[in-house]
Amino acid sequence: MAGFDDVTKKAQEFLKDGKVQDALKSDKAEEVSDSILDAVAGAADKITGGKFHDKIEDAKNAADDKIGNQ
């Protein structure tokens, strides 16, 4: 697993870079993340027939709070 550990370490270093952090918190990142989260939530609603809509929305909102700038 040494190779995996090395990749993980490099990914962590990459994510700590100031420019990367700025990009992840940009308006564009917010738009993209909102679009992806909306699509995933919509697909989950469709698959479950809307039975778990409230839980899906809660999960989507929790994820949205962690991603982007809003």
C-alpha atoms as a PDB file:
ATOM      1  CA  MET A   1       0.000   0.000   0.000  1.00  0.00           C
ATOM      2  CA  ALA A   2       3.015   2.300  -0.102  1.00  0.00           C
ATOM      3  CA  GLY A   3       1.954   3.611  -3.517  1.00  0.00           C
ATOM      4  CA  PHE A   4      -1.531   4.426  -2.252  1.00  0.00           C
ATOM      5  CA  ASP A   5      -0.123   6.193   0.797  1.00  0.00           C
ATOM      6  CA  ASP A   6       2.099   8.300  -1.456  1.00  0.00           C
ATOM      7  CA  VAL A   7      -0.850   9.292  -3.664  1.00  0.00           C
ATOM      8  CA  THR A   8      -2.918  10.151  -0.585  1.00  0.00           C
ATOM      9  CA  LYS A   9      -0.128  12.333   0.801  1.00  0.00           C
ATOM     10  CA  LYS A  10       0.280  14.162  -2.513  1.00  0.00           C
ATOM     11  CA  ALA A  11      -3.480  14.717  -2.752  1.00  0.00           C
ATOM     12  CA  GLN A  12      -3.560  16.143   0.767  1.00  0.00           C
ATOM     13  CA  GLU A  13      -0.675  18.489  -0.043  1.00  0.00           C
ATOM     14  CA  PHE A  14      -2.425  19.556  -3.260  1.00  0.00           C
ATOM     15  CA  LEU A  15      -5.646  20.352  -1.418  1.00  0.00           C
ATOM     16  CA  LYS A  16      -3.793  22.480   1.143  1.00  0.00           C
ATOM     17  CA  ASP A  17      -2.409  24.788  -1.569  1.00  0.00           C
ATOM     18  CA  GLY A  18      -3.827  28.313  -1.290  1.00  0.00           C
ATOM     19  CA  LYS A  19      -4.695  28.550  -4.989  1.00  0.00           C
ATOM     20  CA  VAL A  20      -6.556  25.242  -4.839  1.00  0.00           C
ATOM     21  CA  GLN A  21      -8.465  26.367  -1.736  1.00  0.00           C
ATOM     22  CA  ASP A  22      -9.423  29.611  -3.497  1.00  0.00           C
ATOM     23  CA  ALA A  23     -10.627  27.674  -6.533  1.00  0.00           C
ATOM     24  CA  LEU A  24     -12.678  25.287  -4.396  1.00  0.00           C
ATOM     25  CA  LYS A  25     -14.382  28.234  -2.719  1.00  0.00           C
ATOM     26  CA  SER A  26     -15.083  30.142  -5.940  1.00  0.00           C
ATOM     27  CA  ASP A  27     -18.467  31.007  -7.417  1.00  0.00           C
ATOM     28  CA  LYS A  28     -17.799  28.597 -10.290  1.00  0.00           C
ATOM     29  CA  ALA A  29     -17.099  25.734  -7.865  1.00  0.00           C
ATOM     30  CA  GLU A  30     -20.356  26.584  -6.088  1.00  0.00           C
ATOM     31  CA  GLU A  31     -22.273  26.452  -9.384  1.00  0.00           C
ATOM     32  CA  VAL A  32     -20.724  23.125 -10.360  1.00  0.00           C
ATOM     33  CA  SER A  33     -21.243  21.543  -6.944  1.00  0.00           C
ATOM     34  CA  ASP A  34     -24.857  22.740  -6.801  1.00  0.00           C
ATOM     35  CA  SER A  35     -25.506  21.275 -10.238  1.00  0.00           C
ATOM     36  CA  ILE A  36     -23.977  17.920  -9.305  1.00  0.00           C
ATOM     37  CA  LEU A  37     -25.746  17.741  -5.943  1.00  0.00           C
ATOM     38  CA  ASP A  38     -29.092  18.641  -7.546  1.00  0.00           C
ATOM     39  CA  ALA A  39     -28.616  15.934 -10.190  1.00  0.00           C
ATOM     40  CA  VAL A  40     -27.661  13.275  -7.638  1.00  0.00           C
ATOM     41  CA  ALA A  41     -30.562  14.221  -5.342  1.00  0.00           C
ATOM     42  CA  GLY A  42     -32.951  14.149  -8.289  1.00  0.00           C
ATOM     43  CA  ALA A  43     -31.730  10.725  -9.340  1.00  0.00           C
ATOM     44  CA  ALA A  44     -32.038   9.402  -5.791  1.00  0.00           C
ATOM     45  CA  ASP A  45     -35.574  10.799  -5.559  1.00  0.00           C
ATOM     46  CA  LYS A  46     -36.486   9.165  -8.856  1.00  0.00           C
ATOM     47  CA  ILE A  47     -35.023   5.802  -7.853  1.00  0.00           C
ATOM     48  CA  THR A  48     -36.830   5.821  -4.503  1.00  0.00           C
ATOM     49  CA  GLY A  49     -40.053   7.201  -5.923  1.00  0.00           C
ATOM     50  CA  GLY A  50     -39.765  10.266  -3.673  1.00  0.00           C
ATOM     51  CA  LYS A  51     -40.235   8.101  -0.590  1.00  0.00           C
ATOM     52  CA  PHE A  52     -37.117   9.551   1.080  1.00  0.00           C
ATOM     53  CA  HIS A  53     -37.270  13.074  -0.377  1.00  0.00           C
ATOM     54  CA  ASP A  54     -36.788  14.862   2.956  1.00  0.00           C
ATOM     55  CA  LYS A  55     -33.790  12.727   3.914  1.00  0.00           C
ATOM     56  CA  ILE A  56     -32.267  13.167   0.463  1.00  0.00           C
ATOM     57  CA  GLU A  57     -32.693  16.948   0.700  1.00  0.00           C
ATOM     58  CA  ASP A  58     -31.124  16.963   4.162  1.00  0.00           C
ATOM     59  CA  ALA A  59     -28.130  15.001   2.867  1.00  0.00           C
ATOM     60  CA  LYS A  60     -27.832  17.280  -0.179  1.00  0.00           C
ATOM     61  CA  ASN A  61     -27.918  20.385   2.012  1.00  0.00           C
ATOM     62  CA  ALA A  62     -25.340  18.945   4.413  1.00  0.00           C
ATOM     63  CA  ALA A  63     -23.007  18.196   1.507  1.00  0.00           C
ATOM     64  CA  ASP A  64     -23.617  21.654   0.015  1.00  0.00           C
ATOM     65  CA  ASP A  65     -22.610  23.259   3.316  1.00  0.00           C
ATOM     66  CA  LYS A  66     -19.207  21.567   3.010  1.00  0.00           C
ATOM     67  CA  ILE A  67     -18.599  22.356  -0.671  1.00  0.00           C
ATOM     68  CA  GLY A  68     -18.220  25.707  -2.407  1.00  0.00           C
ATOM     69  CA  ASN A  69     -18.712  29.144  -0.899  1.00  0.00           C
ATOM     70  CA  GLN A  70     -22.382  29.274   0.074  1.00  0.00           C
END
